[in-house]
Amino acid sequence: MLLLAGCQSDPALHSARIGKAQYRLQVDRCHVIDRAQLEADLRALASGECPAGAGALENIQPLPSRQGSLFGECLRRGALQAEVRCQP
């Protein structure tokens, strides 16, 4: 049986609480159109973490992407990290 390994979940989203109502967010995509797409993913993740609303994304930094596959399907992969404070 031949198993084809595709990209990991796309996008891979992670958040970690780093302070009171403050989160570090990460997004990692296998198929990236542009940086704006990654920033939109971060804003969507921030909205999920902050029910009362999220502030502006801060300290946005590129990260090495962990997306990959055995057959190289991830030709335009990318990852970003940012911090956000939730509105009270």
C-alpha atoms as a PDB file:
ATOM      1  CA  MET A   1       0.000   0.000   0.000  1.00  0.00           C
ATOM      2  CA  LEU A   2       1.406   3.369  -1.012  1.00  0.00           C
ATOM      3  CA  LEU A   3       0.660   6.254   1.320  1.00  0.00           C
ATOM      4  CA  LEU A   4       1.041   9.757   0.006  1.00  0.00           C
ATOM      5  CA  ALA A   5       1.986  12.317   2.621  1.00  0.00           C
ATOM      6  CA  GLY A   6       0.341  15.638   1.927  1.00  0.00           C
ATOM      7  CA  CYS A   7       0.822  18.895   3.741  1.00  0.00           C
ATOM      8  CA  GLN A   8       0.111  19.112   7.423  1.00  0.00           C
ATOM      9  CA  SER A   9      -3.141  20.797   8.430  1.00  0.00           C
ATOM     10  CA  ASP A  10      -3.286  23.982   6.423  1.00  0.00           C
ATOM     11  CA  PRO A  11      -3.112  26.413   8.039  1.00  0.00           C
ATOM     12  CA  ALA A  12      -1.592  25.214  11.296  1.00  0.00           C
ATOM     13  CA  LEU A  13      -2.681  27.706  13.976  1.00  0.00           C
ATOM     14  CA  HIS A  14      -1.272  27.936  17.489  1.00  0.00           C
ATOM     15  CA  SER A  15      -1.786  30.339  20.368  1.00  0.00           C
ATOM     16  CA  ALA A  16      -0.165  30.611  23.781  1.00  0.00           C
ATOM     17  CA  ARG A  17      -1.136  32.882  26.637  1.00  0.00           C
ATOM     18  CA  ILE A  18       1.836  35.064  27.590  1.00  0.00           C
ATOM     19  CA  GLY A  19       0.164  37.415  30.055  1.00  0.00           C
ATOM     20  CA  LYS A  20      -3.152  38.683  31.304  1.00  0.00           C
ATOM     21  CA  ALA A  21      -5.331  38.935  28.175  1.00  0.00           C
ATOM     22  CA  GLN A  22      -2.221  38.715  25.975  1.00  0.00           C
ATOM     23  CA  TYR A  23      -1.429  35.947  23.479  1.00  0.00           C
ATOM     24  CA  ARG A  24       1.394  34.903  21.160  1.00  0.00           C
ATOM     25  CA  LEU A  25      -0.093  33.639  17.902  1.00  0.00           C
ATOM     26  CA  GLN A  26       1.491  31.556  15.154  1.00  0.00           C
ATOM     27  CA  VAL A  27       0.251  30.581  11.712  1.00  0.00           C
ATOM     28  CA  ASP A  28       2.003  28.193   9.330  1.00  0.00           C
ATOM     29  CA  ARG A  29       0.654  27.562   5.807  1.00  0.00           C
ATOM     30  CA  CYS A  30       1.672  25.152   3.095  1.00  0.00           C
ATOM     31  CA  HIS A  31       0.116  27.176   0.258  1.00  0.00           C
ATOM     32  CA  VAL A  32       0.727  30.896   0.778  1.00  0.00           C
ATOM     33  CA  ILE A  33      -0.510  33.527  -1.648  1.00  0.00           C
ATOM     34  CA  ASP A  34       1.099  36.478   0.155  1.00  0.00           C
ATOM     35  CA  ARG A  35       1.915  37.891   3.585  1.00  0.00           C
ATOM     36  CA  ALA A  36      -1.528  39.484   3.832  1.00  0.00           C
ATOM     37  CA  GLN A  37      -3.056  35.989   3.815  1.00  0.00           C
ATOM     38  CA  LEU A  38      -0.921  34.988   6.811  1.00  0.00           C
ATOM     39  CA  GLU A  39      -1.816  38.213   8.647  1.00  0.00           C
ATOM     40  CA  ALA A  40      -5.529  37.532   7.999  1.00  0.00           C
ATOM     41  CA  ASP A  41      -5.054  34.074   9.537  1.00  0.00           C
ATOM     42  CA  LEU A  42      -3.457  35.701  12.603  1.00  0.00           C
ATOM     43  CA  ARG A  43      -6.356  38.177  12.943  1.00  0.00           C
ATOM     44  CA  ALA A  44      -8.889  35.326  12.711  1.00  0.00           C
ATOM     45  CA  LEU A  45      -6.995  33.410  15.410  1.00  0.00           C
ATOM     46  CA  ALA A  46      -6.885  36.550  17.575  1.00  0.00           C
ATOM     47  CA  SER A  47     -10.661  36.933  17.240  1.00  0.00           C
ATOM     48  CA  GLY A  48     -11.110  33.389  18.501  1.00  0.00           C
ATOM     49  CA  GLU A  49      -8.919  34.006  21.545  1.00  0.00           C
ATOM     50  CA  CYS A  50     -10.430  37.389  22.376  1.00  0.00           C
ATOM     51  CA  PRO A  51     -14.256  37.190  22.611  1.00  0.00           C
ATOM     52  CA  ALA A  52     -14.580  40.905  23.465  1.00  0.00           C
ATOM     53  CA  GLY A  53     -12.328  41.867  20.558  1.00  0.00           C
ATOM     54  CA  ALA A  54      -8.638  41.883  19.803  1.00  0.00           C
ATOM     55  CA  GLY A  55      -6.279  44.805  19.588  1.00  0.00           C
ATOM     56  CA  ALA A  56      -3.824  45.329  16.759  1.00  0.00           C
ATOM     57  CA  LEU A  57      -1.314  42.615  15.947  1.00  0.00           C
ATOM     58  CA  GLU A  58       2.060  43.559  17.415  1.00  0.00           C
ATOM     59  CA  ASN A  59       5.621  42.334  16.980  1.00  0.00           C
ATOM     60  CA  ILE A  60       4.860  40.488  13.718  1.00  0.00           C
ATOM     61  CA  GLN A  61       7.809  38.285  12.764  1.00  0.00           C
ATOM     62  CA  PRO A  62       8.420  35.697  10.064  1.00  0.00           C
ATOM     63  CA  LEU A  63       9.200  32.154  11.227  1.00  0.00           C
ATOM     64  CA  PRO A  64      10.644  29.141   9.439  1.00  0.00           C
ATOM     65  CA  SER A  65       7.739  27.094   8.124  1.00  0.00           C
ATOM     66  CA  ARG A  66       7.349  23.557   9.432  1.00  0.00           C
ATOM     67  CA  GLN A  67       4.979  22.618   6.635  1.00  0.00           C
ATOM     68  CA  GLY A  68       6.335  20.007   4.308  1.00  0.00           C
ATOM     69  CA  SER A  69       5.729  16.775   2.551  1.00  0.00           C
ATOM     70  CA  LEU A  70       7.607  13.884   1.049  1.00  0.00           C
ATOM     71  CA  PHE A  71       6.900  14.997  -2.496  1.00  0.00           C
ATOM     72  CA  GLY A  72       7.429  18.752  -2.239  1.00  0.00           C
ATOM     73  CA  GLU A  73       3.814  19.923  -2.626  1.00  0.00           C
ATOM     74  CA  CYS A  74       4.499  22.928  -0.366  1.00  0.00           C
ATOM     75  CA  LEU A  75       6.190  25.202  -2.862  1.00  0.00           C
ATOM     76  CA  ARG A  76       5.053  28.492  -1.287  1.00  0.00           C
ATOM     77  CA  ARG A  77       4.979  27.828   2.421  1.00  0.00           C
ATOM     78  CA  GLY A  78       5.273  30.473   5.096  1.00  0.00           C
ATOM     79  CA  ALA A  79       4.811  31.215   8.769  1.00  0.00           C
ATOM     80  CA  LEU A  80       4.294  34.304  10.917  1.00  0.00           C
ATOM     81  CA  GLN A  81       4.182  35.006  14.639  1.00  0.00           C
ATOM     82  CA  ALA A  82       2.538  37.966  16.363  1.00  0.00           C
ATOM     83  CA  GLU A  83       1.332  39.117  19.759  1.00  0.00           C
ATOM     84  CA  VAL A  84      -2.095  40.509  20.561  1.00  0.00           C
ATOM     85  CA  ARG A  85      -3.834  42.013  23.581  1.00  0.00           C
ATOM     86  CA  CYS A  86      -7.506  41.294  24.110  1.00  0.00           C
ATOM     87  CA  GLN A  87      -9.947  44.163  24.676  1.00  0.00           C
ATOM     88  CA  PRO A  88     -11.504  44.272  28.159  1.00  0.00           C
END
